[in-house]
Amino acid sequence: MKKMAANQQLPDDPMAVEALEKAMTVLRDNITPKDKIAAARLILDFTKAKPAQKLEHTVRSAEDILDEMAAEED
């Protein structure tokens, strides 16, 4: 939390900062791995941007399809 504060990465809302501190406390406690993973996921969701998904769509027009069909017949 100190490193995040030094880098000005903490949220502006004091309640959000408190929630992050609590999640960090839960993460470091002796709890089940399932709960640790949930706390880690919560922290990452609010501190790191999710990677962008890159989708490539190829949209062909009806004319392109007809041109291909005509070329196949020749």
Protein backbone atom coordinates (compact mmCIF):
# COMPACT_ATOMS: atom_id res chain seq x y z
CA MET A 1 0.00 0.00 0.00
CA LYS A 2 2.90 2.34 0.72
CA LYS A 3 4.39 1.73 -2.72
CA MET A 4 1.02 2.33 -4.36
CA ALA A 5 0.61 5.57 -2.39
CA ALA A 6 4.12 6.70 -3.39
CA ASN A 7 3.29 6.04 -7.06
CA GLN A 8 -0.10 7.75 -6.68
CA GLN A 9 -1.90 4.56 -7.69
CA LEU A 10 -4.43 4.52 -4.86
CA PRO A 11 -8.05 5.41 -5.56
CA ASP A 12 -9.29 8.88 -4.58
CA ASP A 13 -12.12 7.45 -2.50
CA PRO A 14 -11.02 6.74 1.11
CA MET A 15 -13.53 3.88 1.36
CA ALA A 16 -11.92 2.23 -1.67
CA VAL A 17 -8.50 2.56 -0.05
CA GLU A 18 -9.85 0.98 3.13
CA ALA A 19 -11.37 -1.88 1.11
CA LEU A 20 -8.02 -2.50 -0.59
CA GLU A 21 -6.25 -2.50 2.78
CA LYS A 22 -8.74 -5.05 4.11
CA ALA A 23 -8.29 -7.24 1.02
CA MET A 24 -4.51 -7.12 1.53
CA THR A 25 -4.98 -8.13 5.18
CA VAL A 26 -7.22 -11.04 4.17
CA LEU A 27 -4.68 -12.10 1.55
CA ARG A 28 -1.93 -12.33 4.16
CA ASP A 29 -3.99 -14.15 6.81
CA ASN A 30 -3.98 -17.92 7.31
CA ILE A 31 -7.11 -18.72 5.35
CA THR A 32 -8.10 -21.22 2.71
CA PRO A 33 -6.42 -20.99 -0.69
CA LYS A 34 -9.83 -20.34 -2.25
CA ASP A 35 -10.28 -17.21 -0.11
CA LYS A 36 -6.72 -16.07 -0.81
CA ILE A 37 -7.33 -16.37 -4.54
CA ALA A 38 -10.57 -14.40 -4.21
CA ALA A 39 -8.77 -11.62 -2.33
CA ALA A 40 -5.94 -11.55 -4.86
CA ARG A 41 -8.42 -11.39 -7.73
CA LEU A 42 -10.24 -8.52 -6.03
CA ILE A 43 -7.01 -6.59 -5.59
CA LEU A 44 -5.95 -7.15 -9.19
CA ASP A 45 -9.37 -6.18 -10.54
CA PHE A 46 -9.12 -2.78 -8.92
CA THR A 47 -5.42 -2.07 -9.36
CA LYS A 48 -4.44 -3.44 -12.76
CA ALA A 49 -6.01 -2.91 -16.16
CA LYS A 50 -7.27 -6.03 -17.82
CA PRO A 51 -5.48 -6.95 -21.04
CA ALA A 52 -7.23 -5.86 -24.19
CA GLN A 53 -8.69 -8.60 -26.27
CA LYS A 54 -7.79 -8.48 -29.90
CA LEU A 55 -10.42 -9.83 -32.22
CA GLU A 56 -10.10 -9.81 -35.95
CA HIS A 57 -13.25 -10.13 -37.96
CA THR A 58 -13.28 -10.69 -41.67
CA VAL A 59 -16.50 -9.51 -43.17
CA ARG A 60 -16.99 -10.38 -46.77
CA SER A 61 -19.60 -8.73 -48.90
CA ALA A 62 -22.06 -10.65 -51.02
CA GLU A 63 -20.25 -9.42 -54.14
CA ASP A 64 -16.97 -10.93 -52.91
CA ILE A 65 -18.63 -14.30 -52.33
CA LEU A 66 -20.27 -14.23 -55.76
CA ASP A 67 -16.94 -13.29 -57.38
CA GLU A 68 -15.27 -16.26 -55.68
CA MET A 69 -18.05 -18.59 -56.80
CA ALA A 70 -17.76 -17.30 -60.37
CA ALA A 71 -14.00 -17.77 -60.33
CA GLU A 72 -14.41 -21.38 -59.11
CA GLU A 73 -16.73 -22.19 -62.03
CA ASP A 74 -14.24 -20.92 -64.64
